[in-house]
Amino acid sequence: AADVAIDGLDGRTVAIEGFGKVGAGVAREFTRRGGRVVAVSTIAGCVADPGGLDLDQLWEARAAHGDALVTELGRDCLPRDALFDIDADVVVPGARVGVIDEQRAARVAARVVVPAANVPYTVGGLAKLADRGIAAHADFVCNAAAVVGYTSPASASRDEVLAQVEHTISELVRASSADARGPFAGAT
């Protein structure tokens, strides 16, 4: 979804809320596609580096320390909500319902929001992002991979399922992004 939302990930940056199965997977895919993870947050705090965080170091710290990984990287550990202040092309809310309320939306430094968690926006948060010209994509599109995957034929290979998921979500992001009201409204 982020790849289509910002027209390619090569050389782009992302700040990711949460570094469990979903957030770590987002980080892996983002870097596989040429992007750079510049911040991650967990319940324990946030770490950031505009030059990029080392994905292997993040994975190792996660395995050894769980959510406390952000305190074990030899970097300043910021409050977890500092993630939304990080200059990045994309911010991925991936942990909390309603995390982008009006106050946080006023601080979001990213160009685009591509959720990995369910219901990351409040009504006021969506309105504030729209007022600021920040593209807020729909969670029910961006994180629909499993649902789309289940529609594949039982005989489909892993690669066929992944190709169908990528095609479907890409088309939904393109279509919703074309809506003059913004991508979230377009998705509805």
Foldseek 3Di string as FASTA:
>chain_A
DVCLLVVFLAAFEEAEEDCDPQRLVVQVVSVVRHHAYAKYAYQQAMDGDPVHDDSVLLVVLCVVPNRCSLVVPPGDGHHRLCSQQDAGQEYEYEDDAQQQELVSLLRRNHQEYQYQHARNHDPNSVVSVVVVNRAYAHNCLRNCLVVQLVVDDPPDDPVRSVVSSVVRSSVLQVQLCPDPSHNHVSND
